[in-house]
Protein backbone atom coordinates (compact mmCIF):
# COMPACT_ATOMS: atom_id res chain seq x y z
CA UNK A 1 -0.17 0.06 0.07
CA UNK A 2 1.41 3.36 -1.09
CA UNK A 3 2.26 5.37 1.65
CA UNK A 4 -0.15 8.34 1.08
CA UNK A 5 -2.62 5.88 1.58
CA UNK A 6 -1.93 4.42 4.73
CA UNK A 7 -1.28 7.51 6.07
CA UNK A 8 -5.20 8.93 4.56
CA UNK A 9 -6.41 5.81 6.22
CA UNK A 10 -4.72 6.13 9.37
CA UNK A 11 -5.75 9.54 9.29
CA UNK A 12 -9.89 9.09 8.27
CA UNK A 13 -9.81 5.65 11.33
CA UNK A 14 -8.33 7.91 14.16
CA UNK A 15 -10.38 11.42 13.06
CA UNK A 16 -14.07 9.43 13.18
CA UNK A 17 -14.66 10.26 16.87
CA UNK A 18 -13.86 13.84 16.41
CA UNK A 19 -16.01 13.83 12.75
CA UNK A 20 -18.94 12.17 14.36
CA UNK A 21 -19.17 14.45 16.89
CA UNK A 22 -18.19 17.77 15.04
CA UNK A 23 -15.30 18.58 16.65
CA UNK A 24 -12.41 19.90 15.15
CA UNK A 25 -9.54 17.09 15.02
CA UNK A 26 -6.09 18.84 15.14
CA UNK A 27 -3.45 17.10 13.37
CA UNK A 28 0.58 18.94 14.16
CA UNK A 29 2.85 18.20 11.86
CA UNK A 30 6.58 18.56 13.20
CA UNK A 31 9.92 17.78 12.45
CA UNK A 32 13.50 19.97 12.22
CA UNK A 33 13.90 23.61 10.47
CA UNK A 34 13.91 22.99 6.65
CA UNK A 35 12.45 19.00 6.61
CA UNK A 36 9.47 20.03 4.57
CA UNK A 37 6.57 21.06 7.06
CA UNK A 38 5.07 23.41 5.16
CA UNK A 39 5.05 21.67 1.81
CA UNK A 40 4.28 18.11 3.71
CA UNK A 41 0.70 19.54 5.47
CA UNK A 42 0.21 21.76 2.65
CA UNK A 43 -0.26 18.35 0.23
CA UNK A 44 -2.08 16.85 3.36
CA UNK A 45 -4.82 19.47 3.61
CA UNK A 46 -5.54 18.68 -0.47
CA UNK A 47 -5.09 15.35 0.48
CA UNK A 48 -7.59 15.10 3.45
CA UNK A 49 -10.10 17.68 1.67
CA UNK A 50 -10.16 15.30 -1.55
CA UNK A 51 -11.86 12.90 0.93
CA UNK A 52 -15.32 11.28 -0.34
CA UNK A 53 -17.29 13.37 2.23
CA UNK A 54 -15.36 16.78 1.60
CA UNK A 55 -13.97 17.99 4.84
CA UNK A 56 -13.37 21.71 5.75
CA UNK A 57 -9.32 21.67 5.96
CA UNK A 58 -7.45 24.54 7.20
CA UNK A 59 -3.37 24.81 7.29
CA UNK A 60 -1.69 26.96 9.52
CA UNK A 61 2.13 27.14 10.93
CA UNK A 62 2.66 28.63 14.31
CA UNK A 63 5.36 30.76 13.45
CA UNK A 64 2.70 33.39 14.34
CA UNK A 65 2.91 32.47 17.87
CA UNK A 66 6.92 33.29 18.00
CA UNK A 67 6.69 36.35 20.25
CA UNK A 68 7.21 39.78 17.63
CA UNK A 69 11.10 40.56 17.50
CA UNK A 70 10.76 43.29 19.88
CA UNK A 71 9.72 41.17 22.82
CA UNK A 72 12.66 39.06 22.07
CA UNK A 73 14.96 41.27 21.47
CA UNK A 74 13.99 43.14 25.17
CA UNK A 75 14.44 39.43 26.79
CA UNK A 76 17.57 39.11 25.28
CA UNK A 77 16.01 35.84 22.96
CA UNK A 78 16.60 37.24 19.24
CA UNK A 79 19.53 34.79 19.05
CA UNK A 80 17.37 31.95 20.52
CA UNK A 81 13.97 32.16 17.67
CA UNK A 82 12.61 29.35 16.96
CA UNK A 83 13.88 27.60 20.21
CA UNK A 84 10.94 26.74 22.46
CA UNK A 85 11.00 29.83 24.93
CA UNK A 86 10.88 31.97 21.94
CA UNK A 87 6.99 30.72 21.59
CA UNK A 88 3.82 32.26 23.08
CA UNK A 89 2.88 28.92 24.16
CA UNK A 90 0.25 29.82 26.71
CA UNK A 91 -1.31 32.02 23.66
CA UNK A 92 -1.44 28.95 20.84
CA UNK A 93 -2.96 26.69 23.63
CA UNK A 94 -5.81 29.35 24.56
CA UNK A 95 -6.40 29.37 20.43
CA UNK A 96 -6.98 25.59 20.07
CA UNK A 97 -8.77 25.37 22.83
CA UNK A 98 -11.32 27.83 21.56
CA UNK A 99 -11.00 26.35 18.02
CA UNK A 100 -12.40 22.84 19.60
CA UNK A 101 -14.89 24.62 21.87
CA UNK A 102 -16.24 25.90 18.30
CA UNK A 103 -14.97 29.39 18.70
CA UNK A 104 -13.73 31.93 15.69
CA UNK A 105 -10.28 32.44 16.21
CA UNK A 106 -8.04 34.96 14.12
CA UNK A 107 -4.42 32.70 13.81
CA UNK A 108 -1.86 35.67 13.64
CA UNK A 109 0.94 34.93 10.49
CA UNK A 110 4.40 35.19 10.31
CA UNK A 111 5.78 37.19 7.59
CA UNK A 112 9.18 35.62 5.83
CA UNK A 113 10.06 38.71 4.39
CA UNK A 114 10.17 41.56 7.23
CA UNK A 115 10.80 37.70 9.63
CA UNK A 116 8.18 39.26 12.21
CA UNK A 117 4.58 38.24 13.32
CA UNK A 118 2.17 39.71 10.95
CA UNK A 119 -0.89 40.16 13.43
CA UNK A 120 -2.84 42.34 11.11
CA UNK A 121 -3.06 39.31 8.24
CA UNK A 122 -4.51 36.64 10.73
CA UNK A 123 -6.16 33.05 9.68
CA UNK A 124 -9.38 32.82 10.94
CA UNK A 125 -10.44 29.46 11.80
CA UNK A 126 -14.39 28.87 12.41
CA UNK A 127 -15.15 25.11 13.00
CA UNK A 128 -12.65 23.30 10.31
CA UNK A 129 -13.17 19.13 9.87
CA UNK A 130 -9.51 19.32 10.45
CA UNK A 131 -7.00 21.88 11.71
CA UNK A 132 -3.46 21.32 10.70
CA UNK A 133 -0.42 23.31 12.27
CA UNK A 134 2.89 23.21 11.02
CA UNK A 135 5.70 23.96 13.33
CA UNK A 136 8.02 23.43 16.25
CA UNK A 137 7.71 22.18 19.52
CA UNK A 138 4.17 20.94 19.05
CA UNK A 139 4.28 18.61 21.82
CA UNK A 140 4.80 21.92 24.68
CA UNK A 141 1.58 22.44 24.06
CA UNK A 142 -0.22 19.49 25.58
CA UNK A 143 -0.21 20.36 29.28
CA UNK A 144 0.15 16.92 31.93
CA UNK A 145 -3.10 15.54 32.88
CA UNK A 146 -5.28 17.57 30.73
CA UNK A 147 -7.14 16.58 27.03
CA UNK A 148 -4.56 16.38 24.58
CA UNK A 149 -5.11 19.47 22.03
CA UNK A 150 -3.29 17.96 18.96
CA UNK A 151 -5.20 14.98 18.23
CA UNK A 152 -2.59 13.32 15.66
CA UNK A 153 1.16 14.42 16.41
CA UNK A 154 2.74 13.85 12.84
CA UNK A 155 6.80 13.96 12.60
CA UNK A 156 9.14 14.11 9.59
CA UNK A 157 12.46 12.81 10.12
CA UNK A 158 15.20 12.16 7.54
CA UNK A 159 19.32 11.88 7.71
CA UNK A 160 20.25 15.71 9.51
CA UNK A 161 23.15 15.67 6.09
CA UNK A 162 19.61 15.76 3.72
CA UNK A 163 18.18 18.22 6.27
CA UNK A 164 21.24 20.63 5.92
CA UNK A 165 21.34 20.19 2.47
CA UNK A 166 17.47 21.72 2.48
CA UNK A 167 17.86 23.96 4.29
CA UNK A 168 21.33 25.45 2.69
CA UNK A 169 19.11 25.53 -0.71
CA UNK A 170 16.41 27.12 0.59
CA UNK A 171 18.05 30.01 2.24
CA UNK A 172 20.66 30.99 -0.40
CA UNK A 173 17.56 31.90 -3.05
CA UNK A 174 15.74 33.80 -0.06
CA UNK A 175 19.41 35.66 0.76
CA UNK A 176 19.91 36.93 -3.26
CA UNK A 177 16.48 37.92 -3.49
CA UNK A 178 16.48 40.21 -0.62
CA UNK A 179 19.34 42.09 -1.72
CA UNK A 180 16.94 44.65 -3.75
CA UNK A 181 14.45 44.29 -0.71
CA UNK A 182 14.55 46.75 1.49
CA UNK A 183 12.13 45.40 3.66
CA UNK A 184 13.31 42.36 3.50
CA UNK A 185 15.32 40.66 6.61
CA UNK A 186 18.03 39.38 4.18
CA UNK A 187 18.56 42.99 2.82
CA UNK A 188 21.41 43.42 5.67
CA UNK A 189 22.96 40.86 3.94
CA UNK A 190 23.31 42.20 0.64
CA UNK A 191 26.71 42.91 0.57
CA UNK A 192 27.85 39.27 0.86
CA UNK A 193 29.52 37.08 -1.32
CA UNK A 194 28.52 33.55 -2.30
CA UNK A 195 31.46 31.74 -0.37
CA UNK A 196 29.95 34.11 2.61
CA UNK A 197 26.45 33.20 2.60
CA UNK A 198 27.20 29.99 2.09
CA UNK A 199 29.30 30.19 5.05
CA UNK A 200 26.56 31.80 6.45
CA UNK A 201 24.44 29.26 6.01
CA UNK A 202 26.57 26.31 7.24
CA UNK A 203 27.12 28.26 10.57
CA UNK A 204 23.40 29.09 11.53
CA UNK A 205 22.62 25.37 10.63
CA UNK A 206 25.61 24.16 12.99
CA UNK A 207 24.98 26.77 15.69
CA UNK A 208 21.36 27.59 16.23
CA UNK A 209 19.38 24.56 14.20
CA UNK A 210 21.59 21.64 14.67
CA UNK A 211 21.53 22.32 18.72
CA UNK A 212 17.71 23.47 18.72
CA UNK A 213 17.01 19.97 16.87
CA UNK A 214 19.31 17.94 19.20
CA UNK A 215 17.96 19.55 22.31
CA UNK A 216 14.38 19.88 21.54
CA UNK A 217 12.91 19.25 18.51
CA UNK A 218 13.06 15.88 18.72
CA UNK A 219 11.37 15.82 21.97
CA UNK A 220 8.51 16.04 19.58
CA UNK A 221 9.64 13.09 17.73
CA UNK A 222 9.40 11.35 20.88
CA UNK A 223 5.71 12.12 21.84
CA UNK A 224 4.70 12.11 17.93
CA UNK A 225 1.60 9.40 17.30
CA UNK A 226 2.98 8.90 13.57
CA UNK A 227 6.71 9.11 12.19
CA UNK A 228 7.19 9.43 8.59
CA UNK A 229 10.56 9.66 7.02
CA UNK A 230 11.55 11.15 3.77
CA UNK A 231 14.04 10.35 1.10
CA UNK A 232 16.59 13.07 -0.32
CA UNK A 233 14.08 13.60 -3.08
CA UNK A 234 11.55 14.22 -0.42
CA UNK A 235 9.38 10.96 -0.92
CA UNK A 236 8.03 9.33 1.73
CA UNK A 237 10.51 6.29 2.92
CA UNK A 238 8.31 5.19 5.78
CA UNK A 239 5.30 5.54 7.66
CA UNK A 240 5.52 4.39 11.14
CA UNK A 241 3.71 4.47 14.90
């Protein structure tokens, strides 16, 4: 059975009780920076929406629950962006509780141009059949002893060297594009040479993303309901509980 079909059948089975009660079923997509969470979440949303009953699916990233840059700077966390303490977990937890109660909830977005929260451009969520969250540290949303807010946590996994390659291949074009956009976070790096940009990417991976993965992000893998291992071409190698 193809991995995509197996995943769909598993999600249909797991979500059946929530769908029968009319309660939003929350799927979390976790994994390392640059492992392809957003692309996977978008494809999963499209796949679920094509089920015969055509459930409503909203796909959002948790980046909007990062503390704004000004607050991170005030707290001395600018170089810890993306680490657990850089997220407003209480606000995200409250939003999920309201969504499961059927409330209309605005989910803040994040701008990958300014690299800051864009609260003015929120995604409004109200009673979707499925809510797909992609982001880091999703297991920390849960409160011990209380009902789960993320009904099914999926962790995307791949070899670290492969993920680093994906990260570099994603970052370098953004840095190049930012040279001509004064609003871009990467405009500040416009004078860098090609070698400087590659060295910068390697340093960010080695000093920020890899420690975050080793010390924190892997906790989502330990808590995951399903672990999906990806091949270097982004295809799915395996799906396992």
